[in-house]
């Protein structure tokens, strides 16, 4: 941003100091311009399940869009692009869309940092951009072309993207948008070291815009400066305090809890004395990105799992890292903790281990299924059996505060979503026989379901 626009940034910063104190819990925001952007899950894998390359792989593609200028809009002006918007004019008197941001002419650079699950820097690079530009980062192509397959095949992590000025620890000099997709499909070519992945199924990765101000030696992200690049040896510290799920209330009591719901795919339960196995009961991938390593404070967390009859069972979950991946299996014996007779394989980005730390990449766990309160042994029409084989539901997380200094402004944030396979069957009465029969079916194949942010609840006495 040029010097003649600095007054706008100063005014925005002053307003933010006031507005942030009254910010409540909020929904995830993905569509705003950011001076930096968080991609909370990035992965390339030459095969989905096996250590040896197969014809089925996984890849992540990130697309950047760099606007010529950013005008008047509350979120970027006061929160996610404080130092760079509006590009022209002032908040009280908007300027014209042109000319382009002088700091983008003739060109500039986006810096990206790839971190592992424990927030340690592993790779970094740059992308040249210009006004009204679209740039693509193909993660699999980068790994392969730079000979990094041995280290980063099946290695999950996350990425922070910042401007050239931000990478140097100064105020960001422009803002941009980012989107990301993770997709599984057939590898384009027999050699896993060449060719990409032709996607068959994909899931949108939520990307969080953030502000990026000048670093001042503090290692704590704030609303005005949500990314710390200086003095961290490229292990960039970032927190989507505005765009993500707020995980503290900053009232000084330190006992508040953020409640988040994660959608689960369809799961089965026993029918009478038999376990009817539903091959479409595919495990749900749960992703929880936290802005810090929680360790034991987010391990063994109690969760409640609800079905579509408002019935629940209780279980636990471990979310100790910044990037937490959970392969949520279903125990078809409804709480007896036996192995599933028909089990889907576990992806190698779950069962594999970080070669630097020896820690497992993810958690593979069988979770309970809420049993119906009344399960008839006989069901001549098959309707009740079908209904139970199609049981949907969600997992309710309770995330305790990890920081609370009583400043009355956001101090921590997370991003959470799931990737379930969902299908819905409509049962209606046959007018001729009176039997319940399936009349319609809808299938939603492995799409992202954003976590539902219920907000913070006080646990103080």
Protein backbone atom coordinates (compact mmCIF):
# COMPACT_ATOMS: atom_id res chain seq x y z
CA UNK A 1 0.00 0.00 0.00
CA UNK A 2 1.43 3.41 -0.95
CA UNK A 3 2.19 6.19 1.51
CA UNK A 4 -0.74 8.34 0.36
CA UNK A 5 -3.13 5.64 1.62
CA UNK A 6 -1.60 5.21 5.08
CA UNK A 7 -4.21 7.43 6.78
CA UNK A 8 -6.87 4.89 5.88
CA UNK A 9 -4.88 2.11 7.53
CA UNK A 10 -4.36 4.15 10.67
CA UNK A 11 -8.07 4.94 10.90
CA UNK A 12 -8.91 1.30 10.37
CA UNK A 13 -6.49 0.26 13.08
CA UNK A 14 -8.06 2.67 15.57
CA UNK A 15 -11.56 1.44 14.76
CA UNK A 16 -10.46 -2.18 15.06
CA UNK A 17 -9.19 -1.63 18.57
CA UNK A 18 -12.71 -0.58 19.54
CA UNK A 19 -14.68 -3.02 17.43
CA UNK A 20 -12.66 -6.06 18.45
CA UNK A 21 -13.62 -5.66 22.08
CA UNK A 22 -17.26 -6.35 21.27
CA UNK A 23 -16.74 -9.17 18.75
CA UNK A 24 -18.84 -12.19 19.58
CA UNK A 25 -18.60 -15.73 18.30
CA UNK A 26 -19.02 -15.76 14.56
CA UNK A 27 -19.37 -18.05 11.58
CA UNK A 28 -16.43 -18.98 9.38
CA UNK A 29 -15.77 -16.36 6.67
CA UNK A 30 -14.05 -17.49 3.47
CA UNK A 31 -14.82 -14.92 0.80
CA UNK A 32 -13.10 -11.78 2.11
CA UNK A 33 -9.81 -10.32 0.88
CA UNK A 34 -6.92 -11.07 3.21
CA UNK A 35 -3.42 -9.69 3.62
CA UNK A 36 -2.54 -13.31 4.38
CA UNK A 37 -4.44 -16.56 3.95
CA UNK A 38 -4.43 -19.83 5.89
CA UNK A 39 -4.92 -23.13 4.02
CA UNK A 40 -5.49 -25.44 7.03
CA UNK A 41 -4.95 -28.79 5.28
CA UNK A 42 -2.56 -29.58 2.40
CA UNK A 43 -1.68 -33.08 1.15
CA UNK A 44 -0.18 -34.96 -1.77
CA UNK A 45 -0.12 -38.74 -1.72
CA UNK A 46 0.90 -41.10 -4.53
CA UNK A 47 -1.63 -43.59 -3.17
CA UNK A 48 -4.65 -43.28 -0.91
CA UNK A 49 -4.26 -46.31 1.34
CA UNK A 50 -1.07 -48.23 0.62
CA UNK A 51 2.55 -47.25 1.23
CA UNK A 52 3.33 -48.36 -2.31
CA UNK A 53 2.14 -46.15 -5.18
CA UNK A 54 -1.12 -47.23 -6.76
CA UNK A 55 -3.26 -45.83 -9.54
CA UNK A 56 -5.29 -43.85 -6.97
CA UNK A 57 -3.74 -40.71 -5.50
CA UNK A 58 -4.61 -37.52 -3.59
CA UNK A 59 -3.56 -33.95 -4.35
CA UNK A 60 -4.22 -30.38 -3.23
CA UNK A 61 -4.50 -27.38 -5.53
CA UNK A 62 -4.52 -23.79 -4.25
CA UNK A 63 -5.73 -20.92 -6.42
CA UNK A 64 -4.88 -17.27 -5.70
CA UNK A 65 -6.81 -14.31 -7.11
CA UNK A 66 -5.16 -10.92 -6.78
CA UNK A 67 -7.60 -8.01 -7.15
CA UNK A 68 -6.52 -4.78 -8.79
CA UNK A 69 -7.88 -2.99 -5.73
CA UNK A 70 -10.13 -3.54 -2.71
CA UNK A 71 -12.90 -1.06 -1.98
CA UNK A 72 -15.11 -0.37 1.00
CA UNK A 73 -16.24 -3.46 2.93
CA UNK A 74 -16.41 -3.86 6.70
CA UNK A 75 -14.52 -7.14 7.11
CA UNK A 76 -11.44 -6.34 4.97
CA UNK A 77 -11.37 -2.65 5.91
CA UNK A 78 -11.46 -3.26 9.66
CA UNK A 79 -10.30 -6.85 10.15
CA UNK A 80 -8.68 -8.98 7.42
CA UNK A 81 -7.06 -6.31 5.21
CA UNK A 82 -6.60 -3.45 7.65
CA UNK A 83 -3.37 -2.13 6.15
CA UNK A 84 -4.30 -2.42 2.47
CA UNK A 85 -7.96 -1.50 2.03
CA UNK A 86 -9.67 0.44 0.72
CA UNK A 87 -6.92 0.69 -1.87
CA UNK A 88 -8.10 4.06 -3.20
CA UNK A 89 -9.92 6.84 -1.41
CA UNK A 90 -10.97 6.63 2.22
CA UNK A 91 -13.56 4.74 4.21
CA UNK A 92 -15.78 7.82 4.34
CA UNK A 93 -15.23 8.67 0.66
CA UNK A 94 -14.64 5.61 -1.53
CA UNK A 95 -12.29 5.99 -4.47
CA UNK A 96 -12.67 4.60 -7.96
CA UNK A 97 -11.77 1.03 -8.78
CA UNK A 98 -8.80 2.20 -10.85
CA UNK A 99 -5.88 2.75 -10.76
CA UNK A 100 -4.50 -0.53 -9.48
CA UNK A 101 -2.76 -0.73 -6.14
CA UNK A 102 0.63 0.93 -6.83
CA UNK A 103 2.38 -1.77 -4.82
CA UNK A 104 1.20 -4.37 -7.32
CA UNK A 105 2.59 -2.56 -10.37
CA UNK A 106 4.30 -4.03 -12.29
CA UNK A 107 4.46 -7.20 -10.18
CA UNK A 108 4.83 -8.60 -6.69
CA UNK A 109 5.26 -11.88 -4.84
CA UNK A 110 3.24 -14.13 -2.56
CA UNK A 111 5.33 -16.19 -0.13
CA UNK A 112 4.02 -19.53 1.12
CA UNK A 113 5.12 -21.61 4.11
CA UNK A 114 4.27 -25.29 4.52
CA UNK A 115 4.10 -26.48 8.15
CA UNK A 116 3.66 -29.96 9.58
CA UNK A 117 0.97 -31.00 12.07
CA UNK A 118 2.96 -29.56 14.98
CA UNK A 119 3.44 -26.13 13.30
CA UNK A 120 7.10 -26.64 12.34
CA UNK A 121 8.23 -25.17 9.00
CA UNK A 122 9.14 -27.82 6.41
CA UNK A 123 9.02 -26.12 2.97
CA UNK A 124 8.50 -22.66 1.50
CA UNK A 125 8.36 -20.94 -1.86
CA UNK A 126 7.11 -17.92 -3.80
CA UNK A 127 4.53 -17.12 -6.49
CA UNK A 128 4.84 -14.02 -8.71
CA UNK A 129 1.56 -12.10 -9.09
CA UNK A 130 0.23 -9.03 -10.89
CA UNK A 131 -3.05 -7.02 -10.70
CA UNK A 132 -6.17 -9.01 -11.67
CA UNK A 133 -4.03 -12.13 -11.64
CA UNK A 134 -4.92 -15.78 -11.05
CA UNK A 135 -2.12 -18.08 -9.92
CA UNK A 136 -2.24 -21.80 -9.10
CA UNK A 137 -0.08 -23.77 -6.70
CA UNK A 138 -0.29 -27.48 -7.51
CA UNK A 139 1.13 -29.07 -4.36
CA UNK A 140 1.78 -32.48 -5.89
CA UNK A 141 3.55 -30.96 -8.88
CA UNK A 142 5.78 -28.88 -6.59
CA UNK A 143 6.72 -31.89 -4.45
CA UNK A 144 7.51 -34.09 -7.45
CA UNK A 145 9.38 -31.50 -9.53
CA UNK A 146 11.60 -30.62 -6.58
CA UNK A 147 12.43 -34.23 -5.74
CA UNK A 148 10.66 -34.16 -2.36
CA UNK A 149 8.62 -37.35 -2.81
CA UNK A 150 10.58 -39.28 -0.21
CA UNK A 151 9.74 -36.79 2.52
CA UNK A 152 6.32 -35.45 1.54
CA UNK A 153 4.45 -38.32 -0.12
CA UNK A 154 1.46 -38.82 2.18
CA UNK A 155 2.73 -36.08 4.52
CA UNK A 156 -0.19 -33.86 5.68
CA UNK A 157 0.37 -30.27 6.71
CA UNK A 158 -1.01 -26.77 6.34
CA UNK A 159 0.07 -23.61 4.56
CA UNK A 160 0.23 -19.88 5.32
CA UNK A 161 0.41 -17.47 2.36
CA UNK A 162 1.62 -13.89 2.86
CA UNK A 163 2.75 -10.90 0.81
CA UNK A 164 6.38 -10.04 0.12
CA UNK A 165 6.30 -7.16 2.59
CA UNK A 166 4.58 -9.32 5.19
CA UNK A 167 7.22 -12.02 4.80
CA UNK A 168 9.78 -9.40 5.81
CA UNK A 169 7.89 -8.57 9.00
CA UNK A 170 6.36 -5.31 7.71
CA UNK A 171 2.77 -4.27 6.99
CA UNK A 172 1.36 -6.25 4.08
CA UNK A 173 1.55 -4.28 0.82
CA UNK A 174 -1.51 -5.79 -0.90
CA UNK A 175 -4.37 -8.21 -0.25
CA UNK A 176 -5.59 -11.26 -2.14
CA UNK A 177 -8.09 -14.14 -2.19
CA UNK A 178 -7.31 -17.85 -1.97
CA UNK A 179 -9.23 -21.09 -2.54
CA UNK A 180 -8.16 -24.71 -2.13
CA UNK A 181 -9.38 -28.16 -3.14
CA UNK A 182 -8.26 -31.62 -2.08
CA UNK A 183 -9.20 -34.39 -4.48
CA UNK A 184 -8.73 -38.11 -4.91
CA UNK A 185 -8.67 -39.90 -8.21
CA UNK A 186 -6.64 -41.73 -10.81
CA UNK A 187 -3.01 -40.79 -11.27
CA UNK A 188 -2.24 -39.44 -14.73
CA UNK A 189 0.52 -41.89 -15.66
CA UNK A 190 2.08 -45.05 -14.34
CA UNK A 191 5.07 -43.29 -12.80
CA UNK A 192 4.16 -41.71 -9.42
CA UNK A 193 6.99 -39.20 -9.90
CA UNK A 194 5.35 -37.68 -12.98
CA UNK A 195 1.84 -36.63 -13.87
CA UNK A 196 -0.94 -35.34 -11.67
CA UNK A 197 -4.18 -36.73 -10.29
CA UNK A 198 -7.40 -36.80 -12.30
CA UNK A 199 -9.98 -36.08 -9.60
CA UNK A 200 -12.98 -38.36 -9.13
CA UNK A 201 -14.10 -37.01 -5.76
CA UNK A 202 -13.05 -33.74 -4.16
CA UNK A 203 -13.53 -31.73 -1.00
CA UNK A 204 -13.25 -27.95 -0.67
CA UNK A 205 -10.69 -26.83 1.89
CA UNK A 206 -11.90 -23.74 3.79
CA UNK A 207 -9.34 -20.92 3.43
CA UNK A 208 -9.20 -18.23 6.11
CA UNK A 209 -8.22 -14.59 5.31
CA UNK A 210 -6.15 -12.76 7.94
CA UNK A 211 -4.63 -9.34 8.58
CA UNK A 212 -0.84 -9.02 8.47
CA UNK A 213 0.67 -5.97 10.14
CA UNK A 214 4.22 -5.08 11.13
CA UNK A 215 5.78 -7.49 13.62
CA UNK A 216 6.98 -5.92 16.87
CA UNK A 217 8.72 -8.83 18.62
CA UNK A 218 5.54 -10.31 20.08
CA UNK A 219 4.75 -13.92 19.21
CA UNK A 220 1.04 -13.48 19.87
CA UNK A 221 -1.30 -12.89 16.88
CA UNK A 222 -3.82 -10.07 17.25
CA UNK A 223 -6.77 -8.83 15.21
CA UNK A 224 -4.50 -6.10 13.78
CA UNK A 225 -1.63 -8.53 13.05
CA UNK A 226 -2.78 -12.13 12.78
CA UNK A 227 0.45 -13.47 11.24
CA UNK A 228 3.94 -13.34 12.79
CA UNK A 229 6.81 -13.85 10.32
CA UNK A 230 9.76 -12.09 11.99
CA UNK A 231 11.99 -13.97 14.42
CA UNK A 232 10.30 -17.38 14.08
CA UNK A 233 12.75 -19.16 11.71
CA UNK A 234 10.04 -19.47 9.04
CA UNK A 235 7.74 -21.41 11.40
CA UNK A 236 5.14 -18.70 10.83
CA UNK A 237 2.64 -18.14 13.64
CA UNK A 238 -0.88 -17.46 12.39
CA UNK A 239 -4.41 -17.33 13.77
CA UNK A 240 -7.64 -16.58 11.82
CA UNK A 241 -9.01 -14.56 14.73
CA UNK A 242 -11.75 -12.99 12.61
CA UNK A 243 -12.45 -15.53 9.85
CA UNK A 244 -12.16 -18.69 11.95
CA UNK A 245 -13.99 -20.13 14.96
CA UNK A 246 -13.19 -18.08 18.03
CA UNK A 247 -11.99 -20.36 20.86
CA UNK A 248 -11.75 -17.96 23.78
CA UNK A 249 -13.90 -15.25 25.30
CA UNK A 250 -11.14 -13.13 26.89
CA UNK A 251 -13.14 -12.37 30.02
CA UNK A 252 -10.39 -13.47 32.39
CA UNK A 253 -11.98 -16.60 33.89
CA UNK A 254 -10.23 -19.11 31.61
CA UNK A 255 -13.04 -21.66 31.86
CA UNK A 256 -15.13 -20.97 28.75
CA UNK A 257 -15.81 -23.74 26.25
CA UNK A 258 -16.35 -23.45 22.48
CA UNK A 259 -18.98 -25.87 21.16
CA UNK A 260 -18.65 -27.07 17.56
CA UNK A 261 -20.75 -29.65 15.69
CA UNK A 262 -19.18 -31.84 12.99
CA UNK A 263 -21.40 -33.67 10.50
CA UNK A 264 -20.97 -37.44 10.37
CA UNK A 265 -21.66 -39.74 7.45
CA UNK A 266 -24.36 -42.40 7.62
CA UNK A 267 -23.69 -45.12 10.19
CA UNK A 268 -25.32 -48.44 11.09
CA UNK A 269 -26.59 -50.05 14.28
CA UNK A 270 -27.60 -53.64 15.12
CA UNK A 271 -31.00 -54.86 13.96
CA UNK A 272 -32.39 -57.34 16.45
CA UNK A 273 -29.73 -59.96 17.07
CA UNK A 274 -27.93 -59.41 13.78
CA UNK A 275 -25.42 -56.82 12.63
CA UNK A 276 -26.54 -55.81 9.15
CA UNK A 277 -23.48 -54.35 7.45
CA UNK A 278 -23.92 -51.38 5.18
CA UNK A 279 -21.07 -51.14 2.65
CA UNK A 280 -21.85 -47.43 2.20
CA UNK A 281 -21.05 -46.78 5.85
CA UNK A 282 -17.80 -45.02 4.96
CA UNK A 283 -15.70 -43.47 7.75
CA UNK A 284 -15.90 -39.69 8.06
CA UNK A 285 -12.73 -37.60 7.89
CA UNK A 286 -12.73 -34.97 10.66
CA UNK A 287 -10.31 -32.03 10.44
CA UNK A 288 -9.68 -29.64 13.33
CA UNK A 289 -7.00 -26.98 12.82
CA UNK A 290 -6.04 -25.14 16.01
CA UNK A 291 -3.81 -22.07 16.18
CA UNK A 292 -1.51 -23.79 18.68
CA UNK A 293 -0.48 -27.24 19.85
CA UNK A 294 -2.90 -28.02 22.66
CA UNK A 295 -1.17 -31.18 23.89
CA UNK A 296 -2.91 -32.85 26.79
CA UNK A 297 -5.38 -30.00 27.25
CA UNK A 298 -7.24 -31.11 24.12
CA UNK A 299 -6.61 -34.84 24.54
CA UNK A 300 -9.27 -37.17 25.88
CA UNK A 301 -11.93 -34.52 25.26
CA UNK A 302 -15.46 -35.70 25.84
CA UNK A 303 -17.78 -35.62 22.83
CA UNK A 304 -21.47 -36.34 22.35
CA UNK A 305 -22.68 -38.11 19.21
CA UNK A 306 -26.30 -37.65 18.14
CA UNK A 307 -28.39 -39.56 15.63
CA UNK A 308 -31.39 -38.31 13.66
CA UNK A 309 -33.72 -39.32 16.51
CA UNK A 310 -32.10 -36.84 18.94
CA UNK A 311 -30.54 -39.77 20.85
CA UNK A 312 -26.91 -39.64 21.86
CA UNK A 313 -23.94 -41.61 23.08
CA UNK A 314 -20.74 -40.26 24.63
CA UNK A 315 -17.16 -40.85 23.57
CA UNK A 316 -13.78 -39.07 23.57
CA UNK A 317 -11.36 -37.60 21.04
CA UNK A 318 -7.72 -36.46 20.95
CA UNK A 319 -6.90 -33.12 19.27
CA UNK A 320 -3.36 -32.36 20.53
CA UNK A 321 -1.79 -30.73 17.46
CA UNK A 322 -2.31 -27.69 15.29
CA UNK A 323 -3.51 -29.93 12.46
CA UNK A 324 -5.66 -32.79 13.76
CA UNK A 325 -6.94 -35.48 11.38
CA UNK A 326 -9.42 -38.09 12.63
CA UNK A 327 -10.65 -41.11 10.65
CA UNK A 328 -13.99 -41.60 12.39
CA UNK A 329 -15.00 -45.26 12.15
CA UNK A 330 -18.30 -46.73 13.36
CA UNK A 331 -18.67 -49.58 15.84
CA UNK A 332 -21.65 -51.51 14.47
CA UNK A 333 -22.03 -53.37 17.77
CA UNK A 334 -23.15 -50.08 19.32
CA UNK A 335 -20.68 -49.62 22.14
CA UNK A 336 -19.14 -53.10 22.51
CA UNK A 337 -15.90 -51.89 20.88
CA UNK A 338 -15.55 -54.83 18.50
CA UNK A 339 -13.93 -54.59 15.08
CA UNK A 340 -16.24 -53.75 12.20
CA UNK A 341 -16.96 -56.92 10.20
CA UNK A 342 -16.75 -54.85 7.03
CA UNK A 343 -13.99 -52.27 7.54
CA UNK A 344 -12.85 -49.66 5.08
CA UNK A 345 -9.04 -49.32 4.89
CA UNK A 346 -7.32 -46.48 6.73
CA UNK A 347 -5.57 -43.84 4.56
CA UNK A 348 -1.80 -43.63 4.89
CA UNK A 349 -2.03 -39.94 5.78
CA UNK A 350 -3.78 -41.16 8.95
CA UNK A 351 -1.75 -44.23 9.96
CA UNK A 352 1.61 -42.90 8.70
CA UNK A 353 4.13 -41.20 10.98
CA UNK A 354 5.86 -37.84 10.74
CA UNK A 355 9.48 -38.74 9.81
CA UNK A 356 10.77 -35.75 11.77
CA UNK A 357 8.90 -36.39 15.03
CA UNK A 358 7.78 -40.02 14.88
CA UNK A 359 4.24 -38.90 15.77
CA UNK A 360 1.27 -40.47 13.95
CA UNK A 361 -0.23 -38.16 11.35
CA UNK A 362 -3.79 -38.82 12.46
CA UNK A 363 -6.16 -40.69 14.73
CA UNK A 364 -8.02 -43.79 13.54
CA UNK A 365 -10.80 -44.46 16.01
CA UNK A 366 -14.07 -46.38 16.31
CA UNK A 367 -16.71 -44.05 17.74
CA UNK A 368 -19.94 -45.08 19.40
CA UNK A 369 -23.30 -45.09 17.64
CA UNK A 370 -26.41 -43.95 19.54
CA UNK A 371 -28.71 -47.01 19.72
CA UNK A 372 -32.39 -46.51 19.10
CA UNK A 373 -34.30 -46.84 22.33
CA UNK A 374 -36.58 -49.49 20.87
CA UNK A 375 -35.34 -51.93 18.25
CA UNK A 376 -37.98 -54.48 17.19
CA UNK A 377 -36.68 -57.97 16.52
CA UNK A 378 -39.08 -58.47 13.64
CA UNK A 379 -39.76 -55.97 10.89
CA UNK A 380 -41.86 -57.53 8.13
CA UNK A 381 -41.75 -54.47 5.89
CA UNK A 382 -38.01 -53.87 6.29
CA UNK A 383 -38.64 -50.16 6.81
CA UNK A 384 -37.22 -49.96 10.32
CA UNK A 385 -34.12 -51.92 9.30
CA UNK A 386 -33.58 -49.64 6.33
CA UNK A 387 -34.08 -46.55 8.45
CA UNK A 388 -31.46 -47.67 10.96
CA UNK A 389 -28.98 -48.58 8.25
CA UNK A 390 -29.32 -45.01 6.96
CA UNK A 391 -28.81 -43.29 10.30
CA UNK A 392 -27.14 -39.87 10.07
CA UNK A 393 -25.90 -37.63 12.82
CA UNK A 394 -23.22 -35.30 14.14
CA UNK A 395 -20.44 -35.09 16.73
CA UNK A 396 -20.55 -32.32 19.31
CA UNK A 397 -17.09 -31.08 20.37
CA UNK A 398 -16.39 -29.18 23.59
CA UNK A 399 -13.15 -27.19 23.21
CA UNK A 400 -11.77 -25.61 26.40
CA UNK A 401 -9.98 -22.26 26.37
CA UNK A 402 -6.21 -22.40 26.00
CA UNK A 403 -5.61 -18.70 26.60
CA UNK A 404 -7.59 -15.96 28.34
CA UNK A 405 -5.85 -12.77 29.44
CA UNK A 406 -9.06 -10.83 29.92
CA UNK A 407 -8.39 -8.28 27.14
CA UNK A 408 -11.93 -8.48 25.74
CA UNK A 409 -10.76 -9.30 22.20
CA UNK A 410 -10.16 -12.55 20.28
CA UNK A 411 -6.96 -14.33 21.34
CA UNK A 412 -7.32 -17.76 19.74
CA UNK A 413 -9.14 -19.43 16.87
CA UNK A 414 -9.67 -22.73 15.08
CA UNK A 415 -11.10 -24.12 11.84
CA UNK A 416 -13.11 -27.36 11.82
CA UNK A 417 -14.89 -29.39 9.16
CA UNK A 418 -15.69 -32.93 8.12
CA UNK A 419 -15.74 -34.83 4.84
CA UNK A 420 -18.65 -37.32 5.02
CA UNK A 421 -20.42 -39.47 2.48
CA UNK A 422 -24.12 -38.75 2.97
CA UNK A 423 -27.22 -40.28 1.47
CA UNK A 424 -30.89 -39.80 2.19
CA UNK A 425 -33.79 -42.13 1.47
CA UNK A 426 -37.44 -41.08 1.50
CA UNK A 427 -39.81 -43.74 2.87
CA UNK A 428 -43.49 -43.49 2.03
CA UNK A 429 -46.56 -45.68 2.53
CA UNK A 430 -47.55 -47.83 -0.44
CA UNK A 431 -51.29 -47.03 -0.90
CA UNK A 432 -51.94 -50.52 -2.22
CA UNK A 433 -50.30 -52.55 0.55
CA UNK A 434 -49.83 -50.08 3.40
CA UNK A 435 -46.13 -51.00 3.55
CA UNK A 436 -43.33 -48.47 3.91
CA UNK A 437 -41.28 -48.39 0.72
CA UNK A 438 -38.30 -46.28 -0.42
CA UNK A 439 -39.38 -43.78 -3.07
CA UNK A 440 -36.42 -41.39 -3.45
CA UNK A 441 -32.70 -41.41 -2.72
CA UNK A 442 -30.11 -38.62 -2.76
CA UNK A 443 -26.35 -39.14 -2.53
CA UNK A 444 -23.85 -36.44 -1.53
CA UNK A 445 -20.37 -37.79 -2.38
CA UNK A 446 -17.60 -36.75 0.01
CA UNK A 447 -18.23 -33.04 0.24
CA UNK A 448 -16.93 -30.61 2.85
CA UNK A 449 -19.31 -29.93 5.74
CA UNK A 450 -18.12 -26.90 7.71
CA UNK A 451 -18.22 -27.21 11.47
CA UNK A 452 -21.20 -25.51 13.09
CA UNK A 453 -19.95 -22.85 15.48
CA UNK A 454 -22.38 -22.78 18.42
CA UNK A 455 -20.29 -20.15 20.21
CA UNK A 456 -18.71 -20.03 23.66
CA UNK A 457 -20.35 -21.09 26.89
CA UNK A 458 -19.15 -20.18 30.35
CA UNK A 459 -18.23 -23.02 32.66
CA UNK A 460 -17.50 -20.67 35.54
CA UNK A 461 -19.51 -21.27 38.76
